């Protein structure tokens, strides 16, 4: 599944267009490589997303085309959440 679609389906990012935009700004890495929106996401991949002053790293547990809102968090496991200092 495409990265931008996975981020939307998993509800890590609300809209696919926003996921695409963030990836194009080089703020998303898959397995430590800067990822384009079209990168194929597979089970076991690690996705690192930078949101403003915070960074979230998740591990893909499942890839599904459609999930209910309450099942979205079952698609991934949060490995790390960091707040970045404004000093950096």
Protein backbone atom coordinates (compact mmCIF):
# COMPACT_ATOMS: atom_id res chain seq x y z
CA UNK A 1 0.00 0.00 0.00
CA UNK A 2 1.18 3.51 -0.76
CA UNK A 3 2.59 5.48 2.18
CA UNK A 4 0.12 8.36 1.83
CA UNK A 5 -2.85 5.96 1.80
CA UNK A 6 -1.55 3.99 4.80
CA UNK A 7 -1.15 7.18 6.84
CA UNK A 8 -4.76 8.13 6.05
CA UNK A 9 -6.24 4.66 6.67
CA UNK A 10 -4.33 4.33 9.97
CA UNK A 11 -5.43 7.87 10.88
CA UNK A 12 -1.87 8.92 11.72
CA UNK A 13 -2.62 11.82 9.34
CA UNK A 14 -6.24 12.81 8.71
CA UNK A 15 -6.17 13.46 4.97
CA UNK A 16 -4.29 11.71 2.19
CA UNK A 17 -3.51 15.04 0.53
CA UNK A 18 -1.88 16.24 3.76
CA UNK A 19 0.12 12.99 4.05
CA UNK A 20 1.32 13.51 0.47
CA UNK A 21 2.30 17.11 1.20
CA UNK A 22 4.26 16.18 4.36
CA UNK A 23 6.10 13.40 2.48
CA UNK A 24 6.97 15.79 -0.34
CA UNK A 25 8.48 18.12 2.29
CA UNK A 26 10.81 15.24 3.26
CA UNK A 27 9.33 15.02 6.78
CA UNK A 28 8.60 11.27 6.58
CA UNK A 29 11.10 8.41 6.64
CA UNK A 30 10.41 4.73 6.05
CA UNK A 31 13.11 2.44 7.44
CA UNK A 32 15.42 5.48 7.89
CA UNK A 33 15.09 6.54 4.23
CA UNK A 34 13.33 9.75 3.21
CA UNK A 35 10.09 8.53 1.66
CA UNK A 36 7.98 9.74 -1.24
CA UNK A 37 4.17 9.45 -0.98
CA UNK A 38 4.26 6.50 -3.41
CA UNK A 39 6.63 4.33 -1.33
CA UNK A 40 5.17 0.89 -0.71
CA UNK A 41 4.52 0.23 3.00
CA UNK A 42 4.75 -3.34 4.28
CA UNK A 43 4.33 -5.09 7.63
CA UNK A 44 7.40 -4.53 9.80
CA UNK A 45 8.34 -1.18 8.26
CA UNK A 46 9.20 1.70 10.59
CA UNK A 47 7.71 5.08 9.72
CA UNK A 48 9.11 8.27 11.25
CA UNK A 49 6.95 11.40 10.90
CA UNK A 50 8.00 14.92 11.91
CA UNK A 51 5.11 17.19 12.93
CA UNK A 52 6.30 20.70 13.72
CA UNK A 53 8.18 20.27 17.01
CA UNK A 54 7.40 16.61 17.59
CA UNK A 55 8.41 13.35 15.99
CA UNK A 56 6.58 10.01 16.04
CA UNK A 57 8.04 6.64 15.06
CA UNK A 58 5.65 3.75 14.44
CA UNK A 59 6.02 0.13 13.35
CA UNK A 60 3.54 -1.19 10.79
CA UNK A 61 1.70 -4.21 12.21
CA UNK A 62 -0.97 -4.64 9.55
CA UNK A 63 -1.86 -3.23 6.14
CA UNK A 64 -5.58 -3.01 5.30
CA UNK A 65 -7.49 -1.06 2.66
CA UNK A 66 -10.31 -0.06 5.03
CA UNK A 67 -10.68 -0.06 8.81
CA UNK A 68 -13.16 1.36 11.28
CA UNK A 69 -12.07 4.36 13.30
CA UNK A 70 -11.71 2.32 16.51
CA UNK A 71 -9.54 -0.29 14.71
CA UNK A 72 -7.11 2.19 13.10
CA UNK A 73 -4.59 2.04 15.96
CA UNK A 74 -4.29 -1.75 15.48
CA UNK A 75 -2.44 -1.12 12.19
CA UNK A 76 0.64 0.26 13.94
CA UNK A 77 2.56 0.34 17.21
CA UNK A 78 4.09 3.58 18.49
CA UNK A 79 7.78 2.95 19.10
CA UNK A 80 8.86 6.46 20.04
CA UNK A 81 7.36 9.92 20.53
CA UNK A 82 9.64 12.91 20.96
CA UNK A 83 9.14 16.60 21.55
CA UNK A 84 11.95 18.66 20.04
CA UNK A 85 13.30 21.69 21.88
CA UNK A 86 12.96 25.11 20.29
CA UNK A 87 16.71 25.58 20.94
CA UNK A 88 17.65 23.17 18.13
